[in-house]
Amino acid sequence: MQNNFVWDDRLGISVPDLNKPWETFDKSSQAAILLHWEKIRGTIPDRIGKIEKHINELQDQLSLEENFERSCELNYKIASLASVINDLWLWYRLNQNITSKIHG
């Protein structure tokens, strides 16, 4: 079942990576995959909170920074982290809809 997930360094979580169409998995495999995903999915809000805290720290640094190049670096880091948060929310919401359809 672990083969159905792959670690994403950028996001800091494992994401689904199914090697065949969902419908071709038997019901017990589907249930095991969903259970594993729900455990991962449950960690996403905490992961986002940690990233938001880091963004806030970078913004504090940026507000005091007088060096233009360093300001650009901080802005880039903030934008990159915000992009990670966006992608994590997409995974969280998309798979919430899929999970509820499967259970419904």
Protein backbone atom coordinates (compact mmCIF):
# COMPACT_ATOMS: atom_id res chain seq x y z
CA MET A 1 0.00 0.00 0.00
CA GLN A 2 2.94 2.35 0.64
CA ASN A 3 3.67 2.02 -3.09
CA ASN A 4 0.55 4.08 -3.72
CA PHE A 5 2.14 7.16 -2.14
CA VAL A 6 5.27 9.12 -2.91
CA TRP A 7 7.12 11.60 -0.70
CA ASP A 8 6.99 15.19 -1.95
CA ASP A 9 9.95 17.13 -0.53
CA ARG A 10 8.45 20.48 -1.47
CA LEU A 11 5.15 19.83 0.31
CA GLY A 12 6.65 17.84 3.16
CA ILE A 13 4.03 15.08 2.90
CA SER A 14 3.42 11.89 0.96
CA VAL A 15 0.91 12.29 -1.85
CA PRO A 16 -1.13 9.66 -3.68
CA ASP A 17 0.60 8.13 -6.69
CA LEU A 18 -1.70 5.39 -7.90
CA ASN A 19 -0.17 3.12 -10.51
CA LYS A 20 -3.54 2.11 -11.94
CA PRO A 21 -7.08 3.52 -12.15
CA TRP A 22 -8.94 3.79 -8.84
CA GLU A 23 -11.78 1.56 -10.07
CA THR A 24 -9.40 -1.34 -10.64
CA PHE A 25 -8.45 -1.56 -6.94
CA ASP A 26 -10.53 -4.02 -4.92
CA LYS A 27 -12.66 -2.56 -2.13
CA SER A 28 -10.26 -3.55 0.67
CA SER A 29 -7.32 -1.93 -1.16
CA GLN A 30 -9.38 1.20 -1.74
CA ALA A 31 -10.26 1.32 1.95
CA ALA A 32 -6.61 0.85 2.98
CA ILE A 33 -5.46 3.58 0.60
CA LEU A 34 -8.15 5.96 1.85
CA LEU A 35 -7.30 5.24 5.47
CA HIS A 36 -3.62 5.92 4.82
CA TRP A 37 -4.48 9.10 2.92
CA GLU A 38 -6.77 10.33 5.70
CA LYS A 39 -3.88 9.97 8.16
CA ILE A 40 -1.64 12.03 5.89
CA ARG A 41 -4.40 14.50 5.09
CA GLY A 42 -4.97 15.07 8.80
CA THR A 43 -1.43 16.41 9.11
CA ILE A 44 -1.86 19.04 6.41
CA PRO A 45 -3.37 21.82 8.60
CA ASP A 46 -0.49 21.49 11.08
CA ARG A 47 2.02 21.55 8.23
CA ILE A 48 0.37 24.72 6.90
CA GLY A 49 0.51 26.29 10.36
CA LYS A 50 4.26 25.68 10.59
CA ILE A 51 4.81 27.19 7.16
CA GLU A 52 2.67 30.21 8.05
CA LYS A 53 4.77 30.74 11.17
CA HIS A 54 7.92 30.66 9.05
CA ILE A 55 6.36 33.16 6.61
CA ASN A 56 5.56 35.48 9.51
CA GLU A 57 9.17 35.30 10.68
CA LEU A 58 10.40 36.12 7.18
CA GLN A 59 7.95 39.03 6.94
CA ASP A 60 9.28 40.37 10.23
CA GLN A 61 12.80 40.21 8.80
CA LEU A 62 11.63 41.85 5.59
CA SER A 63 10.06 44.77 7.43
CA LEU A 64 13.45 45.57 8.97
CA GLU A 65 15.60 44.81 5.93
CA GLU A 66 17.34 47.73 4.25
CA ASN A 67 19.39 45.77 1.71
CA PHE A 68 17.46 45.56 -1.56
CA GLU A 69 18.96 42.23 -2.67
CA ARG A 70 18.22 40.64 0.68
CA SER A 71 14.66 42.03 0.50
CA CYS A 72 14.23 40.34 -2.86
CA GLU A 73 15.50 37.05 -1.43
CA LEU A 74 13.08 37.26 1.47
CA ASN A 75 10.19 38.08 -0.88
CA TYR A 76 11.10 35.09 -3.02
CA LYS A 77 11.17 32.78 0.01
CA ILE A 78 7.81 34.11 1.21
CA ALA A 79 6.24 33.62 -2.23
CA SER A 80 7.65 30.09 -2.48
CA LEU A 81 6.27 29.15 0.93
CA ALA A 82 2.90 30.70 0.08
CA SER A 83 2.84 28.53 -3.05
CA VAL A 84 3.45 25.43 -0.92
CA ILE A 85 0.55 26.42 1.34
CA ASN A 86 -1.69 26.87 -1.68
CA ASP A 87 -0.78 23.43 -3.02
CA LEU A 88 -1.30 21.81 0.38
CA TRP A 89 -4.79 23.33 0.62
CA LEU A 90 -5.54 22.05 -2.89
CA TRP A 91 -4.54 18.51 -1.86
CA TYR A 92 -6.52 18.84 1.35
CA ARG A 93 -9.73 20.05 -0.33
CA LEU A 94 -9.56 18.01 -3.52
CA ASN A 95 -9.12 14.76 -1.70
CA GLN A 96 -11.77 15.71 0.85
CA ASN A 97 -14.25 15.84 -2.02
CA ILE A 98 -13.02 12.55 -3.45
CA THR A 99 -13.15 10.83 -0.06
CA SER A 100 -16.69 12.00 0.63
CA LYS A 101 -17.85 10.83 -2.83
CA ILE A 102 -16.35 7.40 -2.28
CA HIS A 103 -17.94 7.08 1.17
CA GLY A 104 -21.23 8.53 -0.06
